[in-house]
């Protein structure tokens, strides 16, 4: 568990989570337009939940990556 391979894997997970969050942030105006046309505010809430969840995963992976780097 305490190896460079696990540190690299956590770095990849962190970068992917940040990328997913960024893509959803960039797509939120589109979600807003779709929600206005269909009069469905739940679409915006779902988009916000995905952004929040991916940022939580990114922070958790960053903390674990830092702990593993210091443990090695």
N, C-alpha and C. Protein backbone atom coordinates (compact mmCIF):
# COMPACT_ATOMS: atom_id res chain seq x y z
N UNK A 1 0.83 -1.20 0.00
CA UNK A 1 0.00 0.00 0.00
C UNK A 1 0.87 1.26 0.00
N UNK A 2 2.04 1.19 0.60
CA UNK A 2 2.92 2.36 0.67
C UNK A 2 3.97 2.26 -0.43
N UNK A 3 3.55 2.55 -1.65
CA UNK A 3 4.48 2.47 -2.77
C UNK A 3 4.26 3.66 -3.70
N UNK A 4 5.18 3.83 -4.61
CA UNK A 4 5.07 4.91 -5.58
C UNK A 4 3.90 4.67 -6.54
N UNK A 5 3.57 3.41 -6.78
CA UNK A 5 2.45 3.07 -7.65
C UNK A 5 1.14 3.59 -7.08
N UNK A 6 0.94 3.44 -5.78
CA UNK A 6 -0.29 3.93 -5.16
C UNK A 6 -0.35 5.45 -5.16
N UNK A 7 0.81 6.10 -5.01
CA UNK A 7 0.84 7.57 -5.06
C UNK A 7 0.48 8.06 -6.46
N UNK A 8 1.01 7.39 -7.48
CA UNK A 8 0.67 7.77 -8.86
C UNK A 8 -0.80 7.52 -9.16
N UNK A 9 -1.34 6.42 -8.63
CA UNK A 9 -2.76 6.12 -8.85
C UNK A 9 -3.64 7.19 -8.21
N UNK A 10 -3.28 7.62 -7.02
CA UNK A 10 -4.05 8.67 -6.36
C UNK A 10 -3.94 9.99 -7.11
N UNK A 11 -2.79 10.26 -7.70
CA UNK A 11 -2.63 11.47 -8.50
C UNK A 11 -3.54 11.42 -9.72
N UNK A 12 -3.63 10.28 -10.36
CA UNK A 12 -4.50 10.12 -11.52
C UNK A 12 -5.96 10.28 -11.11
N UNK A 13 -6.35 9.69 -9.98
CA UNK A 13 -7.72 9.82 -9.48
C UNK A 13 -8.05 11.28 -9.19
N UNK A 14 -7.11 11.98 -8.57
CA UNK A 14 -7.32 13.39 -8.25
C UNK A 14 -7.49 14.21 -9.53
N UNK A 15 -6.63 13.98 -10.51
CA UNK A 15 -6.73 14.73 -11.76
C UNK A 15 -8.02 14.43 -12.51
N UNK A 16 -8.45 13.18 -12.50
CA UNK A 16 -9.70 12.83 -13.17
C UNK A 16 -10.90 13.47 -12.48
N UNK A 17 -10.89 13.49 -11.16
CA UNK A 17 -12.01 14.11 -10.43
C UNK A 17 -12.06 15.61 -10.69
N UNK A 18 -10.91 16.26 -10.76
CA UNK A 18 -10.89 17.69 -11.06
C UNK A 18 -11.37 17.93 -12.49
N UNK A 19 -11.00 17.07 -13.41
CA UNK A 19 -11.43 17.20 -14.80
C UNK A 19 -12.94 17.03 -14.93
N UNK A 20 -13.48 16.03 -14.25
CA UNK A 20 -14.93 15.81 -14.29
C UNK A 20 -15.67 17.02 -13.72
N UNK A 21 -15.18 17.54 -12.62
CA UNK A 21 -15.80 18.71 -12.02
C UNK A 21 -15.73 19.91 -12.96
N UNK A 22 -14.59 20.11 -13.59
CA UNK A 22 -14.45 21.22 -14.52
C UNK A 22 -15.37 21.10 -15.72
N UNK A 23 -15.53 19.88 -16.23
CA UNK A 23 -16.43 19.67 -17.37
C UNK A 23 -17.88 19.96 -16.98
N UNK A 24 -18.27 19.56 -15.79
CA UNK A 24 -19.64 19.84 -15.36
C UNK A 24 -19.85 21.33 -15.10
N UNK A 25 -18.83 22.00 -14.56
CA UNK A 25 -18.94 23.45 -14.37
C UNK A 25 -19.08 24.15 -15.73
N UNK A 26 -18.32 23.70 -16.70
CA UNK A 26 -18.42 24.28 -18.04
C UNK A 26 -19.77 23.97 -18.69
N UNK A 27 -20.38 22.85 -18.35
CA UNK A 27 -21.65 22.46 -18.93
C UNK A 27 -22.87 22.96 -18.19
N UNK A 28 -22.68 23.61 -17.04
CA UNK A 28 -23.82 24.08 -16.26
C UNK A 28 -24.70 25.08 -17.01
N UNK A 29 -24.15 25.99 -17.82
CA UNK A 29 -25.07 26.85 -18.58
C UNK A 29 -26.00 26.07 -19.50
N UNK A 30 -25.49 24.99 -20.09
CA UNK A 30 -26.34 24.14 -20.92
C UNK A 30 -27.41 23.47 -20.08
N UNK A 31 -27.03 22.98 -18.90
CA UNK A 31 -28.02 22.38 -17.99
C UNK A 31 -29.08 23.40 -17.61
N UNK A 32 -28.66 24.65 -17.41
CA UNK A 32 -29.60 25.70 -17.04
C UNK A 32 -30.61 25.95 -18.17
N UNK A 33 -30.12 25.98 -19.41
CA UNK A 33 -31.02 26.19 -20.54
C UNK A 33 -32.00 25.04 -20.69
N UNK A 34 -31.54 23.82 -20.50
CA UNK A 34 -32.42 22.66 -20.59
C UNK A 34 -33.46 22.70 -19.47
N UNK A 35 -33.04 23.09 -18.27
CA UNK A 35 -33.97 23.16 -17.14
C UNK A 35 -35.00 24.27 -17.35
N UNK A 36 -34.62 25.36 -17.98
CA UNK A 36 -35.58 26.43 -18.27
C UNK A 36 -36.61 25.99 -19.31
N UNK A 37 -36.17 25.25 -20.31
CA UNK A 37 -37.11 24.80 -21.35
C UNK A 37 -38.09 23.76 -20.80
N UNK A 38 -37.60 22.84 -19.99
CA UNK A 38 -38.45 21.77 -19.46
C UNK A 38 -39.09 22.13 -18.14
N UNK A 39 -38.72 23.29 -17.57
CA UNK A 39 -39.21 23.73 -16.26
C UNK A 39 -38.93 22.66 -15.19
N UNK A 40 -37.68 22.16 -15.19
CA UNK A 40 -37.27 21.11 -14.26
C UNK A 40 -36.02 21.55 -13.50
N UNK A 41 -36.18 22.10 -12.31
CA UNK A 41 -35.00 22.56 -11.56
C UNK A 41 -34.14 21.42 -11.03
N UNK A 42 -34.62 20.19 -11.09
CA UNK A 42 -33.85 19.05 -10.59
C UNK A 42 -32.60 18.78 -11.39
N UNK A 43 -32.60 19.18 -12.65
CA UNK A 43 -31.42 18.97 -13.49
C UNK A 43 -30.24 19.77 -12.95
N UNK A 44 -30.50 20.99 -12.52
CA UNK A 44 -29.43 21.83 -11.98
C UNK A 44 -28.92 21.25 -10.67
N UNK A 45 -29.82 20.73 -9.84
CA UNK A 45 -29.41 20.14 -8.57
C UNK A 45 -28.53 18.91 -8.80
N UNK A 46 -28.89 18.09 -9.77
CA UNK A 46 -28.09 16.91 -10.09
C UNK A 46 -26.71 17.32 -10.56
N UNK A 47 -26.62 18.35 -11.39
CA UNK A 47 -25.32 18.85 -11.84
C UNK A 47 -24.48 19.36 -10.68
N UNK A 48 -25.10 20.05 -9.74
CA UNK A 48 -24.37 20.56 -8.58
C UNK A 48 -23.88 19.42 -7.68
N UNK A 49 -24.69 18.38 -7.56
CA UNK A 49 -24.29 17.22 -6.75
C UNK A 49 -23.08 16.53 -7.36
N UNK A 50 -23.07 16.38 -8.68
CA UNK A 50 -21.93 15.75 -9.35
C UNK A 50 -20.67 16.59 -9.16
N UNK A 51 -20.78 17.90 -9.27
CA UNK A 51 -19.63 18.78 -9.06
C UNK A 51 -19.12 18.65 -7.64
N UNK A 52 -20.02 18.70 -6.67
CA UNK A 52 -19.62 18.60 -5.27
C UNK A 52 -18.98 17.25 -4.97
N UNK A 53 -19.57 16.18 -5.47
CA UNK A 53 -19.04 14.84 -5.19
C UNK A 53 -17.65 14.66 -5.80
N UNK A 54 -17.44 15.14 -7.02
CA UNK A 54 -16.12 14.97 -7.62
C UNK A 54 -15.08 15.84 -6.93
N UNK A 55 -15.46 17.00 -6.42
CA UNK A 55 -14.49 17.81 -5.67
C UNK A 55 -14.14 17.16 -4.33
N UNK A 56 -15.11 16.53 -3.69
CA UNK A 56 -14.83 15.81 -2.44
C UNK A 56 -13.86 14.66 -2.71
N UNK A 57 -14.07 13.94 -3.79
CA UNK A 57 -13.17 12.85 -4.16
C UNK A 57 -11.77 13.38 -4.45
N UNK A 58 -11.69 14.53 -5.13
CA UNK A 58 -10.38 15.12 -5.45
C UNK A 58 -9.64 15.52 -4.18
N UNK A 59 -10.34 16.13 -3.24
CA UNK A 59 -9.69 16.54 -1.99
C UNK A 59 -9.26 15.32 -1.19
N UNK A 60 -10.10 14.31 -1.12
CA UNK A 60 -9.75 13.09 -0.39
C UNK A 60 -8.54 12.40 -1.01
N UNK A 61 -8.50 12.34 -2.33
CA UNK A 61 -7.36 11.72 -3.01
C UNK A 61 -6.09 12.54 -2.79
N UNK A 62 -6.22 13.87 -2.78
CA UNK A 62 -5.05 14.72 -2.54
C UNK A 62 -4.49 14.52 -1.13
N UNK A 63 -5.38 14.41 -0.16
CA UNK A 63 -4.94 14.18 1.22
C UNK A 63 -4.26 12.82 1.34
N UNK A 64 -4.87 11.79 0.77
CA UNK A 64 -4.25 10.46 0.82
C UNK A 64 -2.92 10.43 0.09
N UNK A 65 -2.84 11.12 -1.05
CA UNK A 65 -1.59 11.17 -1.79
C UNK A 65 -0.51 11.82 -0.96
N UNK A 66 -0.83 12.90 -0.30
CA UNK A 66 0.16 13.59 0.53
C UNK A 66 0.61 12.71 1.71
N UNK A 67 -0.34 12.03 2.33
CA UNK A 67 0.01 11.14 3.45
C UNK A 67 0.91 9.98 2.98
N UNK A 68 0.61 9.40 1.85
CA UNK A 68 1.43 8.32 1.34
C UNK A 68 2.83 8.79 0.94
N UNK A 69 2.91 10.01 0.37
CA UNK A 69 4.22 10.54 0.01
C UNK A 69 5.09 10.73 1.25
N UNK A 70 4.48 11.21 2.32
CA UNK A 70 5.26 11.41 3.55
C UNK A 70 5.55 10.11 4.24
N UNK A 71 4.71 9.09 4.05
CA UNK A 71 4.97 7.79 4.68
C UNK A 71 6.10 7.05 3.97
N UNK A 72 6.27 7.33 2.68
CA UNK A 72 7.36 6.68 1.92
C UNK A 72 8.59 7.39 2.22
